[in-house]
Amino acid sequence: MSLLETGPGEGLYYEFEAPTANQPTVVFVNALTGSIDNWQGVVDPALREAGLGVLRYNLRGQEKSPVNDDRILDDQLIISDLCRLID
């Protein structure tokens, strides 16, 4: 449970669970009105049981991911944030 700072007063709340050896990581991207809680029911535990890594994060402005009031959340910003998070 961490926060990746993306700028002054802004960040991405994320949770990461590492995979077992030689397994990939699945990245969950929420809908604009979602949160990481949506993934923690059935899908997330099944993937972890299979040894896959799991990365869940909230977009800017979603729960625990602060955003400035004047920030425009568009597709390029979402892509940029995701690339920064997985880098």
C-alpha atoms as a PDB file:
ATOM      1  CA  MET A   1       0.000   0.000   0.000  1.00  0.00           C
ATOM      2  CA  SER A   2       1.938   2.957  -1.325  1.00  0.00           C
ATOM      3  CA  LEU A   3       1.603   6.321  -3.003  1.00  0.00           C
ATOM      4  CA  LEU A   4       3.573   7.210  -6.128  1.00  0.00           C
ATOM      5  CA  GLU A   5       3.884  10.999  -6.179  1.00  0.00           C
ATOM      6  CA  THR A   6       3.151  12.337  -9.656  1.00  0.00           C
ATOM      7  CA  GLY A   7       3.543  16.029  -8.851  1.00  0.00           C
ATOM      8  CA  PRO A   8       2.855  18.590  -6.136  1.00  0.00           C
ATOM      9  CA  GLY A   9      -0.296  17.474  -4.315  1.00  0.00           C
ATOM     10  CA  GLU A  10      -0.928  14.579  -6.717  1.00  0.00           C
ATOM     11  CA  GLY A  11      -0.262  10.864  -6.653  1.00  0.00           C
ATOM     12  CA  LEU A  12      -1.332   7.312  -7.419  1.00  0.00           C
ATOM     13  CA  TYR A  13      -2.335   4.981  -4.613  1.00  0.00           C
ATOM     14  CA  TYR A  14      -1.295   1.426  -5.447  1.00  0.00           C
ATOM     15  CA  GLU A  15      -0.929  -2.049  -4.005  1.00  0.00           C
ATOM     16  CA  PHE A  16       1.582  -4.542  -5.403  1.00  0.00           C
ATOM     17  CA  GLU A  17       2.053  -8.201  -4.626  1.00  0.00           C
ATOM     18  CA  ALA A  18       5.063  -9.773  -6.315  1.00  0.00           C
ATOM     19  CA  PRO A  19       4.714 -12.940  -8.404  1.00  0.00           C
ATOM     20  CA  THR A  20       6.365 -16.218  -7.608  1.00  0.00           C
ATOM     21  CA  ALA A  21       9.464 -17.056  -9.641  1.00  0.00           C
ATOM     22  CA  ASN A  22       9.106 -16.696 -13.419  1.00  0.00           C
ATOM     23  CA  GLN A  23       5.452 -15.610 -13.302  1.00  0.00           C
ATOM     24  CA  PRO A  24       4.097 -12.397 -14.847  1.00  0.00           C
ATOM     25  CA  THR A  25       2.283  -9.579 -13.078  1.00  0.00           C
ATOM     26  CA  VAL A  26      -1.304  -8.627 -13.937  1.00  0.00           C
ATOM     27  CA  VAL A  27      -2.084  -4.893 -13.816  1.00  0.00           C
ATOM     28  CA  PHE A  28      -5.637  -3.871 -12.940  1.00  0.00           C
ATOM     29  CA  VAL A  29      -6.841  -0.552 -14.393  1.00  0.00           C
ATOM     30  CA  ASN A  30     -10.070   0.827 -12.932  1.00  0.00           C
ATOM     31  CA  ALA A  31     -12.981   2.459 -14.670  1.00  0.00           C
ATOM     32  CA  LEU A  32     -13.168   6.217 -14.062  1.00  0.00           C
ATOM     33  CA  THR A  33     -15.605   5.633 -11.196  1.00  0.00           C
ATOM     34  CA  GLY A  34     -13.979   2.492  -9.782  1.00  0.00           C
ATOM     35  CA  SER A  35     -11.372   1.682  -7.180  1.00  0.00           C
ATOM     36  CA  ILE A  36      -8.958  -1.122  -6.408  1.00  0.00           C
ATOM     37  CA  ASP A  37     -11.611  -2.613  -4.148  1.00  0.00           C
ATOM     38  CA  ASN A  38     -13.439  -3.837  -7.270  1.00  0.00           C
ATOM     39  CA  TRP A  39     -10.646  -6.336  -7.972  1.00  0.00           C
ATOM     40  CA  GLN A  40     -10.218  -7.816  -4.520  1.00  0.00           C
ATOM     41  CA  GLY A  41     -13.205 -10.141  -4.637  1.00  0.00           C
ATOM     42  CA  VAL A  42     -12.808 -13.186  -6.859  1.00  0.00           C
ATOM     43  CA  VAL A  43     -10.340 -12.377  -9.647  1.00  0.00           C
ATOM     44  CA  ASP A  44      -7.474 -11.044  -7.546  1.00  0.00           C
ATOM     45  CA  PRO A  45      -7.242 -14.014  -5.106  1.00  0.00           C
ATOM     46  CA  ALA A  46      -7.404 -16.536  -7.953  1.00  0.00           C
ATOM     47  CA  LEU A  47      -4.477 -14.877  -9.722  1.00  0.00           C
ATOM     48  CA  ARG A  48      -2.391 -14.763  -6.558  1.00  0.00           C
ATOM     49  CA  GLU A  49      -3.143 -18.432  -5.879  1.00  0.00           C
ATOM     50  CA  ALA A  50      -1.811 -19.194  -9.371  1.00  0.00           C
ATOM     51  CA  GLY A  51       1.436 -17.406  -8.465  1.00  0.00           C
ATOM     52  CA  LEU A  52       0.889 -14.332 -10.617  1.00  0.00           C
ATOM     53  CA  GLY A  53       1.837 -10.896  -9.386  1.00  0.00           C
ATOM     54  CA  VAL A  54      -0.916  -8.338  -8.896  1.00  0.00           C
ATOM     55  CA  LEU A  55      -0.663  -4.548  -9.287  1.00  0.00           C
ATOM     56  CA  ARG A  56      -3.775  -2.537  -8.477  1.00  0.00           C
ATOM     57  CA  TYR A  57      -3.928   1.255  -8.504  1.00  0.00           C
ATOM     58  CA  ASN A  58      -6.392   4.102  -8.311  1.00  0.00           C
ATOM     59  CA  LEU A  59      -6.395   6.784 -10.979  1.00  0.00           C
ATOM     60  CA  ARG A  60      -5.769  10.360  -9.890  1.00  0.00           C
ATOM     61  CA  GLY A  61      -8.853  11.613  -8.077  1.00  0.00           C
ATOM     62  CA  GLN A  62      -9.996   8.153  -7.004  1.00  0.00           C
ATOM     63  CA  GLU A  63      -9.811   6.946  -3.413  1.00  0.00           C
ATOM     64  CA  LYS A  64      -6.422   7.786  -1.806  1.00  0.00           C
ATOM     65  CA  SER A  65      -5.033   9.165  -5.117  1.00  0.00           C
ATOM     66  CA  PRO A  66      -4.922  12.949  -4.719  1.00  0.00           C
ATOM     67  CA  VAL A  67      -5.344  15.266  -7.695  1.00  0.00           C
ATOM     68  CA  ASN A  68      -5.316  19.049  -8.123  1.00  0.00           C
ATOM     69  CA  ASP A  69      -8.692  20.628  -8.855  1.00  0.00           C
ATOM     70  CA  ASP A  70      -7.518  22.088 -12.169  1.00  0.00           C
ATOM     71  CA  ARG A  71      -6.102  18.784 -13.490  1.00  0.00           C
ATOM     72  CA  ILE A  72      -7.779  17.414 -16.617  1.00  0.00           C
ATOM     73  CA  LEU A  73      -7.814  13.615 -16.533  1.00  0.00           C
ATOM     74  CA  ASP A  74      -7.518  12.474 -20.152  1.00  0.00           C
ATOM     75  CA  ASP A  75      -6.318   9.316 -21.871  1.00  0.00           C
ATOM     76  CA  GLN A  76      -2.753  10.593 -22.317  1.00  0.00           C
ATOM     77  CA  LEU A  77      -2.417  11.355 -18.599  1.00  0.00           C
ATOM     78  CA  ILE A  78      -3.820   7.939 -17.651  1.00  0.00           C
ATOM     79  CA  ILE A  79      -1.341   6.220 -20.002  1.00  0.00           C
ATOM     80  CA  SER A  80       1.551   8.344 -18.751  1.00  0.00           C
ATOM     81  CA  ASP A  81       0.675   7.572 -15.124  1.00  0.00           C
ATOM     82  CA  LEU A  82       0.476   3.838 -15.810  1.00  0.00           C
ATOM     83  CA  CYS A  83       3.844   3.820 -17.614  1.00  0.00           C
ATOM     84  CA  ARG A  84       5.408   5.700 -14.731  1.00  0.00           C
ATOM     85  CA  LEU A  85       3.935   3.287 -12.197  1.00  0.00           C
ATOM     86  CA  ILE A  86       5.150   0.119 -13.912  1.00  0.00           C
ATOM     87  CA  ASP A  87       8.579   1.550 -14.722  1.00  0.00           C
END
